[in-house]
């Protein structure tokens, strides 16, 4: 489930126009669940180390390829792939139920 949240959450954040249209088409409960997922993902992204956060932002929000990022970071494309994989693992860990902040209630 956490893998799905990371994948869907990143996709949801990437295309704000699609998210707005999608929000209009889905039920209030679905919209609320997606909004909560979006908030959790943003918090998880903030918890990443700066380099990982910048890499995720550049790749998913600026659509930069690993090859481009490798040149900017002064590392190999393979190393960018390793850093990306580690950042996604961190996001998954941050999104596990035990790592999420408790909701007031």
N, C-alpha and C. Protein backbone atom coordinates (compact mmCIF):
# COMPACT_ATOMS: atom_id res chain seq x y z
N UNK A 1 0.82 -1.18 0.00
CA UNK A 1 0.00 0.00 0.00
C UNK A 1 0.88 1.26 0.00
N UNK A 2 1.96 1.24 0.77
CA UNK A 2 2.85 2.40 0.82
C UNK A 2 3.44 2.66 -0.55
N UNK A 3 3.83 1.59 -1.26
CA UNK A 3 4.37 1.77 -2.62
C UNK A 3 3.35 2.46 -3.51
N UNK A 4 2.09 2.06 -3.39
CA UNK A 4 1.03 2.68 -4.18
C UNK A 4 0.88 4.15 -3.84
N UNK A 5 0.96 4.48 -2.55
CA UNK A 5 0.83 5.86 -2.11
C UNK A 5 1.95 6.71 -2.70
N UNK A 6 3.18 6.20 -2.64
CA UNK A 6 4.31 6.96 -3.18
C UNK A 6 4.11 7.17 -4.68
N UNK A 7 3.80 6.10 -5.39
CA UNK A 7 3.63 6.20 -6.84
C UNK A 7 2.47 7.11 -7.23
N UNK A 8 1.33 6.87 -6.63
CA UNK A 8 0.16 7.68 -6.95
C UNK A 8 0.32 9.11 -6.46
N UNK A 9 0.92 9.26 -5.29
CA UNK A 9 1.09 10.60 -4.74
C UNK A 9 1.99 11.45 -5.61
N UNK A 10 3.09 10.89 -6.06
CA UNK A 10 3.98 11.65 -6.94
C UNK A 10 3.28 12.00 -8.24
N UNK A 11 2.56 11.03 -8.79
CA UNK A 11 1.84 11.30 -10.03
C UNK A 11 0.78 12.37 -9.81
N UNK A 12 0.11 12.31 -8.68
CA UNK A 12 -0.94 13.27 -8.36
C UNK A 12 -0.37 14.68 -8.22
N UNK A 13 0.80 14.78 -7.60
CA UNK A 13 1.43 16.08 -7.42
C UNK A 13 1.97 16.65 -8.73
N UNK A 14 2.34 15.76 -9.64
CA UNK A 14 2.98 16.20 -10.87
C UNK A 14 2.06 16.96 -11.81
N UNK A 15 0.82 16.60 -11.84
CA UNK A 15 -0.08 17.18 -12.82
C UNK A 15 -1.24 17.87 -12.13
N UNK A 16 -1.05 19.11 -11.76
CA UNK A 16 -2.07 19.82 -10.98
C UNK A 16 -3.36 20.00 -11.77
N UNK A 17 -3.27 20.19 -13.06
CA UNK A 17 -4.49 20.35 -13.86
C UNK A 17 -5.29 19.07 -13.86
N UNK A 18 -4.63 17.95 -14.04
CA UNK A 18 -5.32 16.67 -14.01
C UNK A 18 -5.90 16.42 -12.62
N UNK A 19 -5.19 16.84 -11.60
CA UNK A 19 -5.68 16.66 -10.24
C UNK A 19 -6.95 17.46 -10.02
N UNK A 20 -7.01 18.68 -10.57
CA UNK A 20 -8.20 19.50 -10.41
C UNK A 20 -9.39 18.87 -11.13
N UNK A 21 -9.18 18.41 -12.35
CA UNK A 21 -10.25 17.76 -13.10
C UNK A 21 -10.67 16.49 -12.39
N UNK A 22 -9.70 15.70 -11.96
CA UNK A 22 -9.97 14.46 -11.27
C UNK A 22 -10.76 14.72 -9.99
N UNK A 23 -10.41 15.78 -9.28
CA UNK A 23 -11.10 16.11 -8.05
C UNK A 23 -12.57 16.43 -8.32
N UNK A 24 -12.86 17.02 -9.45
CA UNK A 24 -14.24 17.34 -9.80
C UNK A 24 -15.04 16.08 -10.13
N UNK A 25 -14.36 15.06 -10.63
CA UNK A 25 -15.04 13.85 -11.07
C UNK A 25 -15.21 12.81 -9.98
N UNK A 26 -14.45 12.89 -8.92
CA UNK A 26 -14.52 11.86 -7.89
C UNK A 26 -15.43 12.29 -6.74
N UNK A 27 -15.76 11.33 -5.93
CA UNK A 27 -16.64 11.61 -4.80
C UNK A 27 -15.91 12.43 -3.75
N UNK A 28 -16.66 12.99 -2.83
CA UNK A 28 -16.06 13.78 -1.76
C UNK A 28 -15.11 12.93 -0.93
N UNK A 29 -15.46 11.69 -0.68
CA UNK A 29 -14.60 10.82 0.12
C UNK A 29 -13.30 10.53 -0.62
N UNK A 30 -13.38 10.25 -1.91
CA UNK A 30 -12.18 9.99 -2.70
C UNK A 30 -11.28 11.23 -2.73
N UNK A 31 -11.90 12.38 -2.89
CA UNK A 31 -11.13 13.62 -2.92
C UNK A 31 -10.44 13.84 -1.57
N UNK A 32 -11.15 13.60 -0.49
CA UNK A 32 -10.58 13.76 0.85
C UNK A 32 -9.41 12.81 1.06
N UNK A 33 -9.58 11.56 0.63
CA UNK A 33 -8.50 10.57 0.77
C UNK A 33 -7.28 10.98 -0.06
N UNK A 34 -7.50 11.46 -1.26
CA UNK A 34 -6.38 11.89 -2.11
C UNK A 34 -5.72 13.13 -1.53
N UNK A 35 -6.51 14.02 -1.00
CA UNK A 35 -5.96 15.22 -0.38
C UNK A 35 -5.09 14.86 0.83
N UNK A 36 -5.56 13.92 1.63
CA UNK A 36 -4.78 13.44 2.78
C UNK A 36 -3.49 12.79 2.31
N UNK A 37 -3.59 11.97 1.27
CA UNK A 37 -2.40 11.31 0.72
C UNK A 37 -1.41 12.36 0.22
N UNK A 38 -1.93 13.38 -0.45
CA UNK A 38 -1.09 14.46 -0.96
C UNK A 38 -0.37 15.17 0.18
N UNK A 39 -1.07 15.46 1.25
CA UNK A 39 -0.47 16.11 2.42
C UNK A 39 0.61 15.24 3.05
N UNK A 40 0.32 13.96 3.18
CA UNK A 40 1.30 13.05 3.76
C UNK A 40 2.56 12.96 2.89
N UNK A 41 2.35 12.92 1.60
CA UNK A 41 3.50 12.85 0.70
C UNK A 41 4.34 14.11 0.79
N UNK A 42 3.70 15.27 0.84
CA UNK A 42 4.45 16.52 0.98
C UNK A 42 5.26 16.54 2.27
N UNK A 43 4.66 16.07 3.38
CA UNK A 43 5.40 16.00 4.65
C UNK A 43 6.58 15.03 4.54
N UNK A 44 6.35 13.90 3.89
CA UNK A 44 7.43 12.91 3.72
C UNK A 44 8.55 13.51 2.87
N UNK A 45 8.21 14.24 1.82
CA UNK A 45 9.23 14.88 0.99
C UNK A 45 10.06 15.88 1.79
N UNK A 46 9.42 16.60 2.70
CA UNK A 46 10.13 17.56 3.54
C UNK A 46 11.10 16.88 4.49
N UNK A 47 10.84 15.63 4.83
CA UNK A 47 11.71 14.90 5.75
C UNK A 47 12.96 14.33 5.07
N UNK A 48 12.97 14.32 3.76
CA UNK A 48 14.14 13.80 3.04
C UNK A 48 15.34 14.71 3.25
N UNK A 49 16.54 14.12 3.22
CA UNK A 49 17.74 14.96 3.22
C UNK A 49 17.70 15.89 2.00
N UNK A 50 18.34 17.03 2.12
CA UNK A 50 18.26 18.05 1.07
C UNK A 50 18.62 17.51 -0.31
N UNK A 51 19.70 16.77 -0.40
CA UNK A 51 20.13 16.26 -1.71
C UNK A 51 19.07 15.33 -2.32
N UNK A 52 18.50 14.47 -1.49
CA UNK A 52 17.45 13.57 -1.97
C UNK A 52 16.22 14.34 -2.39
N UNK A 53 15.85 15.33 -1.59
CA UNK A 53 14.67 16.15 -1.90
C UNK A 53 14.88 16.89 -3.23
N UNK A 54 16.07 17.45 -3.42
CA UNK A 54 16.37 18.16 -4.66
C UNK A 54 16.33 17.21 -5.86
N UNK A 55 16.86 16.01 -5.69
CA UNK A 55 16.86 15.03 -6.77
C UNK A 55 15.43 14.64 -7.14
N UNK A 56 14.60 14.35 -6.14
CA UNK A 56 13.21 13.97 -6.40
C UNK A 56 12.48 15.13 -7.07
N UNK A 57 12.69 16.33 -6.56
CA UNK A 57 12.04 17.50 -7.15
C UNK A 57 12.46 17.69 -8.60
N UNK A 58 13.75 17.63 -8.86
CA UNK A 58 14.26 17.83 -10.22
C UNK A 58 13.75 16.76 -11.18
N UNK A 59 13.71 15.52 -10.72
CA UNK A 59 13.30 14.43 -11.60
C UNK A 59 11.80 14.43 -11.85
N UNK A 60 11.01 14.56 -10.79
CA UNK A 60 9.56 14.44 -10.93
C UNK A 60 8.84 15.75 -11.24
N UNK A 61 9.35 16.87 -10.79
CA UNK A 61 8.65 18.13 -10.99
C UNK A 61 9.23 18.96 -12.13
N UNK A 62 10.54 18.82 -12.36
CA UNK A 62 11.18 19.53 -13.46
C UNK A 62 11.43 18.60 -14.65
N UNK A 63 11.11 17.32 -14.48
CA UNK A 63 11.21 16.30 -15.52
C UNK A 63 12.62 16.17 -16.09
N UNK A 64 13.63 16.30 -15.21
CA UNK A 64 15.01 16.14 -15.65
C UNK A 64 15.38 14.66 -15.65
N UNK A 65 16.02 14.25 -16.70
CA UNK A 65 16.47 12.86 -16.83
C UNK A 65 17.66 12.60 -15.91
N UNK A 66 17.86 11.32 -15.58
CA UNK A 66 18.98 10.95 -14.73
C UNK A 66 20.31 11.40 -15.34
N UNK A 67 20.43 11.32 -16.65
CA UNK A 67 21.66 11.72 -17.32
C UNK A 67 21.94 13.21 -17.07
N UNK A 68 20.92 14.02 -17.16
CA UNK A 68 21.05 15.46 -16.91
C UNK A 68 21.42 15.71 -15.46
N UNK A 69 20.73 15.02 -14.56
CA UNK A 69 21.01 15.18 -13.13
C UNK A 69 22.43 14.74 -12.80
N UNK A 70 22.90 13.68 -13.46
CA UNK A 70 24.26 13.20 -13.22
C UNK A 70 25.27 14.30 -13.55
N UNK A 71 25.06 14.99 -14.67
CA UNK A 71 25.95 16.08 -15.05
C UNK A 71 25.91 17.22 -14.05
N UNK A 72 24.72 17.54 -13.57
CA UNK A 72 24.58 18.64 -12.61
C UNK A 72 25.20 18.30 -11.26
N UNK A 73 25.07 17.03 -10.86
CA UNK A 73 25.59 16.62 -9.56
C UNK A 73 27.05 16.17 -9.60
N UNK A 74 27.57 16.00 -10.81
CA UNK A 74 28.95 15.56 -10.94
C UNK A 74 29.16 14.10 -10.55
N UNK A 75 28.13 13.28 -10.80
CA UNK A 75 28.21 11.85 -10.51
C UNK A 75 27.75 11.08 -11.74
N UNK A 76 27.89 9.76 -11.69
CA UNK A 76 27.46 8.95 -12.83
C UNK A 76 25.94 8.80 -12.84
N UNK A 77 25.42 8.43 -14.01
CA UNK A 77 23.98 8.17 -14.14
C UNK A 77 23.57 7.04 -13.20
N UNK A 78 24.44 6.04 -13.05
CA UNK A 78 24.17 4.92 -12.14
C UNK A 78 24.05 5.39 -10.70
N UNK A 79 24.90 6.35 -10.33
CA UNK A 79 24.84 6.88 -8.96
C UNK A 79 23.54 7.65 -8.73
N UNK A 80 23.11 8.40 -9.75
CA UNK A 80 21.82 9.10 -9.63
C UNK A 80 20.70 8.08 -9.43
N UNK A 81 20.76 6.98 -10.16
CA UNK A 81 19.77 5.93 -10.00
C UNK A 81 19.77 5.38 -8.57
N UNK A 82 20.96 5.18 -8.01
CA UNK A 82 21.08 4.70 -6.63
C UNK A 82 20.50 5.71 -5.64
N UNK A 83 20.82 6.99 -5.84
CA UNK A 83 20.31 8.04 -4.96
C UNK A 83 18.78 8.14 -5.06
N UNK A 84 18.26 8.01 -6.27
CA UNK A 84 16.83 8.04 -6.50
C UNK A 84 16.16 6.87 -5.78
N UNK A 85 16.71 5.69 -5.94
CA UNK A 85 16.16 4.50 -5.28
C UNK A 85 16.17 4.68 -3.76
N UNK A 86 17.25 5.19 -3.22
CA UNK A 86 17.33 5.41 -1.77
C UNK A 86 16.30 6.45 -1.31
N UNK A 87 16.11 7.50 -2.11
CA UNK A 87 15.13 8.53 -1.75
C UNK A 87 13.72 7.95 -1.74
N UNK A 88 13.41 7.11 -2.73
CA UNK A 88 12.09 6.47 -2.75
C UNK A 88 11.92 5.52 -1.57
N UNK A 89 12.97 4.82 -1.19
CA UNK A 89 12.90 3.96 0.00
C UNK A 89 12.63 4.79 1.25
N UNK A 90 13.29 5.93 1.36
CA UNK A 90 13.05 6.82 2.50
C UNK A 90 11.60 7.29 2.51
N UNK A 91 11.08 7.67 1.34
CA UNK A 91 9.69 8.11 1.26
C UNK A 91 8.75 6.99 1.71
N UNK A 92 9.01 5.77 1.24
CA UNK A 92 8.18 4.64 1.65
C UNK A 92 8.22 4.45 3.17
N UNK A 93 9.41 4.57 3.72
CA UNK A 93 9.56 4.40 5.17
C UNK A 93 8.81 5.50 5.92
N UNK A 94 8.93 6.74 5.43
CA UNK A 94 8.25 7.87 6.08
C UNK A 94 6.73 7.76 5.98
N UNK A 95 6.25 7.03 4.98
CA UNK A 95 4.81 6.90 4.77
C UNK A 95 4.19 5.66 5.41
N UNK A 96 5.00 4.86 6.08
CA UNK A 96 4.44 3.71 6.78
C UNK A 96 3.58 4.22 7.93
N UNK A 97 2.53 3.50 8.28
CA UNK A 97 1.64 3.98 9.34
C UNK A 97 2.35 4.33 10.64
N UNK A 98 3.37 3.59 11.01
CA UNK A 98 4.07 3.86 12.28
C UNK A 98 4.90 5.14 12.20
N UNK A 99 5.25 5.59 11.00
CA UNK A 99 6.07 6.80 10.86
C UNK A 99 5.22 8.06 10.70
N UNK A 100 3.94 7.89 10.44
CA UNK A 100 3.07 9.05 10.24
C UNK A 100 2.70 9.68 11.58
N UNK A 101 2.62 11.01 11.60
CA UNK A 101 2.19 11.67 12.83
C UNK A 101 0.74 11.30 13.13
N UNK A 102 0.43 11.16 14.40
CA UNK A 102 -0.93 10.80 14.76
C UNK A 102 -1.85 11.98 14.50
N UNK A 103 -3.06 11.65 14.10
CA UNK A 103 -4.06 12.69 13.81
C UNK A 103 -4.79 13.06 15.09
N UNK A 104 -5.07 14.34 15.25
CA UNK A 104 -5.84 14.75 16.43
C UNK A 104 -7.22 14.13 16.34
N UNK A 105 -7.71 13.74 17.48
CA UNK A 105 -8.97 13.13 17.29
C UNK A 105 -9.83 12.94 18.40
